Amino acid sequence: MFAITREPLDPRPLVDAVRRDESGAVALFYGVVRNENMGRSVRYLEYDAYEAMALKKMREVADEVCAKYPLTGIGVLHRIGRLEIGETSLLVAVSSPHRKEAFEACHEAVDRVKQTVPVWKKEVWDDGSQWIEGYVPEVRQ
């Protein structure tokens, strides 16, 4: 399960999608909007994405992680649009026969998603805003 959505993220369908009868562990990561970054008070975030490429890259990340770990399932959901403090922006779920591999694979998948998937974040403060993560408007579709 891989998706980009403007709707609030619900972890249950993602967990259900990655869990198998042979899964002894499911690791679930929530990325949550926090109220501070680098000493600045954050009011809210705005996410944008090159959606078709983001989905392609999510699947590539899944393929990379599955090649390295004995997984039974993996899925990534990312929210775009305006997100308030405390809302979930990213869900990554990984299942495996054993917990160690599930935790390690989930950690690696989150890092790779952040590094490679074209989703951009704008922080909004009381006195302005700034695109934080590599915003390239000419690439957007």
N, C-alpha and C. Protein backbone atom coordinates (compact mmCIF):
# COMPACT_ATOMS: atom_id res chain seq x y z
N MET A 1 0.86 -1.18 0.00
CA MET A 1 0.00 0.00 0.00
C MET A 1 0.90 1.23 0.00
N PHE A 2 0.74 2.06 -1.01
CA PHE A 2 1.50 3.30 -1.15
C PHE A 2 0.52 4.37 -1.59
N ALA A 3 0.53 5.53 -0.91
CA ALA A 3 -0.42 6.58 -1.28
C ALA A 3 0.07 7.95 -0.83
N ILE A 4 -0.36 8.94 -1.61
CA ILE A 4 -0.24 10.35 -1.27
C ILE A 4 -1.68 10.83 -1.15
N THR A 5 -2.01 11.51 -0.05
CA THR A 5 -3.40 11.92 0.16
C THR A 5 -3.48 13.24 0.90
N ARG A 6 -4.60 13.91 0.74
CA ARG A 6 -4.88 15.12 1.51
C ARG A 6 -5.72 14.79 2.75
N GLU A 7 -6.16 13.57 2.84
CA GLU A 7 -7.01 13.15 3.96
C GLU A 7 -6.16 12.76 5.17
N PRO A 8 -6.70 12.88 6.39
CA PRO A 8 -5.98 12.41 7.58
C PRO A 8 -5.59 10.94 7.42
N LEU A 9 -4.42 10.60 7.94
CA LEU A 9 -3.89 9.25 7.81
C LEU A 9 -4.42 8.34 8.91
N ASP A 10 -4.90 7.19 8.51
CA ASP A 10 -5.40 6.17 9.44
C ASP A 10 -4.45 4.97 9.35
N PRO A 11 -3.78 4.62 10.44
CA PRO A 11 -2.81 3.53 10.38
C PRO A 11 -3.42 2.14 10.23
N ARG A 12 -4.65 1.94 10.62
CA ARG A 12 -5.24 0.60 10.63
C ARG A 12 -5.23 -0.07 9.25
N PRO A 13 -5.72 0.59 8.19
CA PRO A 13 -5.67 -0.08 6.87
C PRO A 13 -4.25 -0.39 6.41
N LEU A 14 -3.30 0.46 6.77
CA LEU A 14 -1.91 0.21 6.38
C LEU A 14 -1.36 -1.02 7.11
N VAL A 15 -1.60 -1.10 8.40
CA VAL A 15 -1.16 -2.26 9.18
C VAL A 15 -1.82 -3.52 8.64
N ASP A 16 -3.12 -3.45 8.36
CA ASP A 16 -3.82 -4.61 7.81
C ASP A 16 -3.24 -5.03 6.46
N ALA A 17 -2.81 -4.05 5.66
CA ALA A 17 -2.27 -4.35 4.33
C ALA A 17 -0.91 -5.04 4.39
N VAL A 18 -0.10 -4.75 5.40
CA VAL A 18 1.25 -5.33 5.46
C VAL A 18 1.33 -6.59 6.31
N ARG A 19 0.38 -6.81 7.21
CA ARG A 19 0.44 -7.97 8.10
C ARG A 19 0.03 -9.24 7.37
N ARG A 20 0.79 -10.28 7.59
CA ARG A 20 0.50 -11.61 7.04
C ARG A 20 0.48 -12.62 8.19
N ASP A 21 -0.01 -13.80 7.94
CA ASP A 21 -0.03 -14.82 8.98
C ASP A 21 1.38 -15.19 9.44
N GLU A 22 2.37 -15.06 8.55
CA GLU A 22 3.76 -15.38 8.92
C GLU A 22 4.48 -14.19 9.57
N SER A 23 3.78 -13.06 9.72
CA SER A 23 4.38 -11.87 10.35
C SER A 23 4.34 -12.01 11.87
N GLY A 24 5.52 -12.08 12.46
CA GLY A 24 5.60 -12.10 13.91
C GLY A 24 5.72 -10.70 14.49
N ALA A 25 5.96 -9.72 13.60
CA ALA A 25 6.14 -8.34 14.06
C ALA A 25 5.66 -7.37 12.98
N VAL A 26 5.04 -6.31 13.43
CA VAL A 26 4.70 -5.18 12.56
C VAL A 26 5.23 -3.93 13.25
N ALA A 27 6.13 -3.23 12.55
CA ALA A 27 6.66 -1.96 13.07
C ALA A 27 5.95 -0.84 12.31
N LEU A 28 5.46 0.14 13.07
CA LEU A 28 4.72 1.26 12.48
C LEU A 28 5.34 2.57 12.94
N PHE A 29 5.72 3.40 11.97
CA PHE A 29 6.28 4.72 12.26
C PHE A 29 5.24 5.78 11.94
N TYR A 30 5.05 6.70 12.89
CA TYR A 30 4.22 7.89 12.68
C TYR A 30 5.15 9.10 12.60
N GLY A 31 5.09 9.87 11.53
CA GLY A 31 5.73 11.18 11.48
C GLY A 31 4.68 12.20 11.87
N VAL A 32 4.94 12.98 12.90
CA VAL A 32 3.93 13.88 13.47
C VAL A 32 4.43 15.32 13.42
N VAL A 33 3.55 16.24 13.08
CA VAL A 33 3.90 17.67 13.02
C VAL A 33 4.14 18.18 14.43
N ARG A 34 5.33 18.75 14.63
CA ARG A 34 5.66 19.29 15.96
C ARG A 34 5.60 20.82 15.92
N ASN A 35 5.58 21.43 17.09
CA ASN A 35 5.38 22.87 17.20
C ASN A 35 6.66 23.69 17.21
N GLU A 36 7.81 23.05 17.02
CA GLU A 36 9.08 23.76 17.08
C GLU A 36 10.08 23.09 16.16
N ASN A 37 10.92 23.91 15.52
CA ASN A 37 12.03 23.38 14.74
C ASN A 37 13.18 24.38 14.78
N MET A 38 14.33 23.91 15.18
CA MET A 38 15.55 24.72 15.24
C MET A 38 15.32 26.05 15.98
N GLY A 39 14.61 25.96 17.10
CA GLY A 39 14.40 27.12 17.95
C GLY A 39 13.28 28.05 17.52
N ARG A 40 12.58 27.72 16.46
CA ARG A 40 11.48 28.56 15.98
C ARG A 40 10.15 27.89 16.27
N SER A 41 9.18 28.68 16.64
CA SER A 41 7.83 28.19 16.89
C SER A 41 7.10 28.00 15.56
N VAL A 42 6.67 26.79 15.31
CA VAL A 42 5.98 26.44 14.07
C VAL A 42 4.47 26.50 14.30
N ARG A 43 3.74 27.22 13.42
CA ARG A 43 2.28 27.32 13.53
C ARG A 43 1.60 26.13 12.86
N TYR A 44 2.07 25.78 11.65
CA TYR A 44 1.56 24.63 10.92
C TYR A 44 2.53 24.34 9.78
N LEU A 45 2.33 23.22 9.09
CA LEU A 45 3.14 22.84 7.94
C LEU A 45 2.27 22.72 6.71
N GLU A 46 2.88 22.94 5.56
CA GLU A 46 2.24 22.65 4.29
C GLU A 46 3.15 21.68 3.54
N TYR A 47 2.57 20.59 3.06
CA TYR A 47 3.31 19.61 2.27
C TYR A 47 2.82 19.65 0.83
N ASP A 48 3.75 19.46 -0.08
CA ASP A 48 3.43 19.38 -1.50
C ASP A 48 4.24 18.21 -2.06
N ALA A 49 3.83 17.69 -3.19
CA ALA A 49 4.51 16.53 -3.76
C ALA A 49 4.36 16.49 -5.27
N TYR A 50 5.32 15.87 -5.89
CA TYR A 50 5.21 15.46 -7.29
C TYR A 50 4.65 14.04 -7.18
N GLU A 51 3.33 13.93 -7.21
CA GLU A 51 2.64 12.72 -6.77
C GLU A 51 3.02 11.46 -7.55
N ALA A 52 3.04 11.53 -8.86
CA ALA A 52 3.36 10.33 -9.65
C ALA A 52 4.77 9.84 -9.34
N MET A 53 5.71 10.77 -9.27
CA MET A 53 7.10 10.39 -8.97
C MET A 53 7.22 9.93 -7.51
N ALA A 54 6.49 10.56 -6.62
CA ALA A 54 6.54 10.16 -5.20
C ALA A 54 6.10 8.71 -5.03
N LEU A 55 5.03 8.32 -5.70
CA LEU A 55 4.57 6.93 -5.60
C LEU A 55 5.60 5.97 -6.19
N LYS A 56 6.19 6.35 -7.31
CA LYS A 56 7.24 5.52 -7.92
C LYS A 56 8.41 5.35 -6.96
N LYS A 57 8.84 6.45 -6.34
CA LYS A 57 9.98 6.39 -5.41
C LYS A 57 9.63 5.60 -4.15
N MET A 58 8.41 5.71 -3.66
CA MET A 58 8.01 4.91 -2.50
C MET A 58 8.16 3.42 -2.81
N ARG A 59 7.73 3.02 -4.00
CA ARG A 59 7.85 1.61 -4.39
C ARG A 59 9.32 1.19 -4.53
N GLU A 60 10.15 2.10 -5.04
CA GLU A 60 11.58 1.81 -5.14
C GLU A 60 12.19 1.63 -3.76
N VAL A 61 11.82 2.48 -2.82
CA VAL A 61 12.29 2.33 -1.44
C VAL A 61 11.86 0.98 -0.90
N ALA A 62 10.62 0.62 -1.12
CA ALA A 62 10.12 -0.68 -0.64
C ALA A 62 10.93 -1.82 -1.25
N ASP A 63 11.22 -1.74 -2.54
CA ASP A 63 12.01 -2.78 -3.19
C ASP A 63 13.41 -2.87 -2.59
N GLU A 64 14.05 -1.72 -2.33
CA GLU A 64 15.39 -1.69 -1.72
C GLU A 64 15.37 -2.36 -0.35
N VAL A 65 14.40 -1.97 0.46
CA VAL A 65 14.32 -2.48 1.84
C VAL A 65 13.97 -3.96 1.83
N CYS A 66 13.08 -4.37 0.96
CA CYS A 66 12.71 -5.80 0.88
C CYS A 66 13.88 -6.66 0.40
N ALA A 67 14.76 -6.10 -0.41
CA ALA A 67 15.93 -6.85 -0.87
C ALA A 67 16.95 -7.05 0.25
N LYS A 68 16.90 -6.21 1.26
CA LYS A 68 17.88 -6.25 2.35
C LYS A 68 17.39 -7.02 3.58
N TYR A 69 16.08 -7.03 3.80
CA TYR A 69 15.51 -7.64 5.01
C TYR A 69 14.45 -8.68 4.62
N PRO A 70 14.25 -9.70 5.47
CA PRO A 70 13.22 -10.71 5.20
C PRO A 70 11.84 -10.21 5.63
N LEU A 71 11.21 -9.42 4.78
CA LEU A 71 9.94 -8.80 5.12
C LEU A 71 8.76 -9.59 4.57
N THR A 72 7.63 -9.43 5.23
CA THR A 72 6.38 -10.01 4.74
C THR A 72 5.46 -8.93 4.19
N GLY A 73 5.78 -7.67 4.42
CA GLY A 73 4.99 -6.57 3.88
C GLY A 73 5.60 -5.22 4.20
N ILE A 74 5.30 -4.22 3.37
CA ILE A 74 5.77 -2.86 3.60
C ILE A 74 4.78 -1.90 2.92
N GLY A 75 4.55 -0.76 3.55
CA GLY A 75 3.66 0.24 2.98
C GLY A 75 4.03 1.63 3.47
N VAL A 76 3.72 2.64 2.65
CA VAL A 76 4.04 4.03 2.97
C VAL A 76 2.85 4.91 2.58
N LEU A 77 2.42 5.75 3.50
CA LEU A 77 1.38 6.75 3.24
C LEU A 77 1.94 8.12 3.61
N HIS A 78 1.76 9.12 2.75
CA HIS A 78 2.21 10.48 3.05
C HIS A 78 1.06 11.44 2.80
N ARG A 79 0.89 12.34 3.70
CA ARG A 79 -0.16 13.34 3.58
C ARG A 79 0.42 14.62 2.99
N ILE A 80 -0.37 15.31 2.19
CA ILE A 80 0.01 16.62 1.67
C ILE A 80 -1.07 17.62 2.02
N GLY A 81 -0.77 18.90 1.77
CA GLY A 81 -1.70 19.97 2.13
C GLY A 81 -1.29 20.57 3.47
N ARG A 82 -2.21 21.29 4.07
CA ARG A 82 -1.96 21.94 5.36
C ARG A 82 -2.17 20.95 6.50
N LEU A 83 -1.17 20.85 7.37
CA LEU A 83 -1.25 19.98 8.54
C LEU A 83 -1.01 20.80 9.79
N GLU A 84 -1.85 20.59 10.76
CA GLU A 84 -1.75 21.30 12.04
C GLU A 84 -0.82 20.55 12.99
N ILE A 85 -0.40 21.23 14.02
CA ILE A 85 0.45 20.62 15.05
C ILE A 85 -0.26 19.37 15.60
N GLY A 86 0.50 18.29 15.69
CA GLY A 86 -0.04 17.03 16.22
C GLY A 86 -0.60 16.09 15.17
N GLU A 87 -0.81 16.58 13.94
CA GLU A 87 -1.34 15.70 12.90
C GLU A 87 -0.23 14.83 12.32
N THR A 88 -0.63 13.68 11.79
CA THR A 88 0.32 12.73 11.21
C THR A 88 0.55 13.05 9.74
N SER A 89 1.84 13.19 9.39
CA SER A 89 2.20 13.49 8.01
C SER A 89 2.68 12.25 7.24
N LEU A 90 3.22 11.28 7.96
CA LEU A 90 3.82 10.10 7.32
C LEU A 90 3.56 8.86 8.16
N LEU A 91 3.18 7.79 7.47
CA LEU A 91 3.08 6.47 8.09
C LEU A 91 3.90 5.50 7.26
N VAL A 92 4.74 4.74 7.94
CA VAL A 92 5.48 3.66 7.30
C VAL A 92 5.25 2.41 8.15
N ALA A 93 4.79 1.34 7.52
CA ALA A 93 4.57 0.08 8.23
C ALA A 93 5.37 -1.02 7.54
N VAL A 94 5.98 -1.86 8.37
CA VAL A 94 6.80 -2.96 7.89
C VAL A 94 6.46 -4.19 8.71
N SER A 95 6.29 -5.32 8.04
CA SER A 95 6.08 -6.57 8.77
C SER A 95 7.18 -7.55 8.41
N SER A 96 7.48 -8.41 9.38
CA SER A 96 8.55 -9.38 9.24
C SER A 96 8.28 -10.54 10.19
N PRO A 97 8.89 -11.68 9.95
CA PRO A 97 8.74 -12.77 10.91
C PRO A 97 9.26 -12.41 12.31
N HIS A 98 10.26 -11.50 12.38
CA HIS A 98 10.89 -11.19 13.66
C HIS A 98 11.00 -9.69 13.87
N ARG A 99 10.94 -9.25 15.14
CA ARG A 99 10.91 -7.83 15.48
C ARG A 99 12.17 -7.07 15.10
N LYS A 100 13.35 -7.68 15.26
CA LYS A 100 14.59 -6.97 14.98
C LYS A 100 14.61 -6.47 13.54
N GLU A 101 14.29 -7.35 12.60
CA GLU A 101 14.28 -6.98 11.19
C GLU A 101 13.18 -5.98 10.90
N ALA A 102 12.03 -6.11 11.57
CA ALA A 102 10.93 -5.16 11.36
C ALA A 102 11.35 -3.76 11.79
N PHE A 103 11.96 -3.64 12.98
CA PHE A 103 12.40 -2.33 13.46
C PHE A 103 13.47 -1.74 12.54
N GLU A 104 14.47 -2.55 12.19
CA GLU A 104 15.57 -2.04 11.35
C GLU A 104 15.06 -1.64 9.97
N ALA A 105 14.21 -2.45 9.38
CA ALA A 105 13.69 -2.16 8.05
C ALA A 105 12.81 -0.92 8.07
N CYS A 106 12.00 -0.76 9.10
CA CYS A 106 11.14 0.41 9.21
C CYS A 106 11.99 1.68 9.32
N HIS A 107 13.01 1.64 10.17
CA HIS A 107 13.91 2.78 10.32
C HIS A 107 14.56 3.14 8.99
N GLU A 108 15.08 2.14 8.29
CA GLU A 108 15.72 2.39 7.01
C GLU A 108 14.73 2.92 5.97
N ALA A 109 13.52 2.36 5.95
CA ALA A 109 12.52 2.82 5.00
C ALA A 109 12.15 4.28 5.25
N VAL A 110 11.99 4.67 6.50
CA VAL A 110 11.68 6.07 6.81
C VAL A 110 12.80 6.97 6.33
N ASP A 111 14.04 6.62 6.63
CA ASP A 111 15.18 7.43 6.19
C ASP A 111 15.22 7.55 4.67
N ARG A 112 15.01 6.45 3.96
CA ARG A 112 15.05 6.48 2.49
C ARG A 112 13.89 7.29 1.91
N VAL A 113 12.72 7.19 2.51
CA VAL A 113 11.58 8.01 2.06
C VAL A 113 11.94 9.48 2.19
N LYS A 114 12.48 9.87 3.33
CA LYS A 114 12.84 11.27 3.55
C LYS A 114 13.92 11.74 2.58
N GLN A 115 14.83 10.84 2.18
CA GLN A 115 15.93 11.20 1.29
C GLN A 115 15.53 11.25 -0.18
N THR A 116 14.61 10.40 -0.60
CA THR A 116 14.41 10.21 -2.04
C THR A 116 13.03 10.55 -2.59
N VAL A 117 12.02 10.57 -1.75
CA VAL A 117 10.65 10.77 -2.26
C VAL A 117 10.39 12.28 -2.41
N PRO A 118 9.94 12.72 -3.59
CA PRO A 118 9.73 14.15 -3.81
C PRO A 118 8.47 14.69 -3.14
N VAL A 119 8.60 14.87 -1.82
CA VAL A 119 7.58 15.52 -1.00
C VAL A 119 8.31 16.66 -0.30
N TRP A 120 7.69 17.85 -0.36
CA TRP A 120 8.35 19.04 0.18
C TRP A 120 7.52 19.62 1.31
N LYS A 121 8.23 20.21 2.27
CA LYS A 121 7.60 20.72 3.48
C LYS A 121 7.87 22.21 3.63
N LYS A 122 6.80 22.97 3.88
CA LYS A 122 6.94 24.39 4.19
C LYS A 122 6.55 24.61 5.64
N GLU A 123 7.46 25.20 6.41
CA GLU A 123 7.15 25.58 7.79
C GLU A 123 6.57 26.98 7.79
N VAL A 124 5.50 27.15 8.55
CA VAL A 124 4.88 28.47 8.68
C VAL A 124 5.03 28.90 10.14
N TRP A 125 5.61 30.11 10.30
CA TRP A 125 5.84 30.69 11.63
C TRP A 125 4.98 31.93 11.77
N ASP A 126 5.00 32.57 12.94
CA ASP A 126 4.27 33.82 13.15
C ASP A 126 4.75 34.92 12.21
N ASP A 127 6.04 34.91 11.87
CA ASP A 127 6.62 36.01 11.09
C ASP A 127 7.04 35.61 9.68
N GLY A 128 6.48 34.54 9.15
CA GLY A 128 6.83 34.15 7.79
C GLY A 128 6.78 32.65 7.58
N SER A 129 7.41 32.21 6.48
CA SER A 129 7.42 30.78 6.16
C SER A 129 8.60 30.50 5.26
N GLN A 130 8.93 29.19 5.15
CA GLN A 130 10.03 28.78 4.29
C GLN A 130 9.85 27.32 3.90
N TRP A 131 10.09 27.02 2.60
CA TRP A 131 10.14 25.63 2.17
C TRP A 131 11.43 25.05 2.73
N ILE A 132 11.31 23.97 3.47
CA ILE A 132 12.44 23.41 4.22
C ILE A 132 13.17 22.33 3.44
N GLU A 133 12.49 21.49 2.74
CA GLU A 133 13.11 20.30 2.17
C GLU A 133 13.05 20.30 0.64
N GLY A 134 13.97 21.03 0.03
CA GLY A 134 14.22 20.92 -1.41
C GLY A 134 13.07 21.22 -2.33
N TYR A 135 12.29 22.23 -2.08
CA TYR A 135 11.15 22.55 -2.94
C TYR A 135 11.62 22.98 -4.31
N VAL A 136 11.11 22.29 -5.33
CA VAL A 136 11.49 22.59 -6.72
C VAL A 136 10.18 22.76 -7.52
N PRO A 137 9.60 23.97 -7.55
CA PRO A 137 8.28 24.12 -8.16
C PRO A 137 8.23 23.74 -9.64
N GLU A 138 9.30 23.91 -10.40
CA GLU A 138 9.26 23.58 -11.82
C GLU A 138 9.15 22.07 -12.06
N VAL A 139 9.40 21.24 -11.05
CA VAL A 139 9.31 19.79 -11.19
C VAL A 139 7.91 19.30 -10.87
N ARG A 140 7.14 20.08 -10.13
CA ARG A 140 5.79 19.67 -9.69
C ARG A 140 4.87 19.44 -10.86
N GLN A 141 3.93 18.52 -10.66
CA GLN A 141 2.87 18.31 -11.64
C GLN A 141 1.56 18.16 -10.94
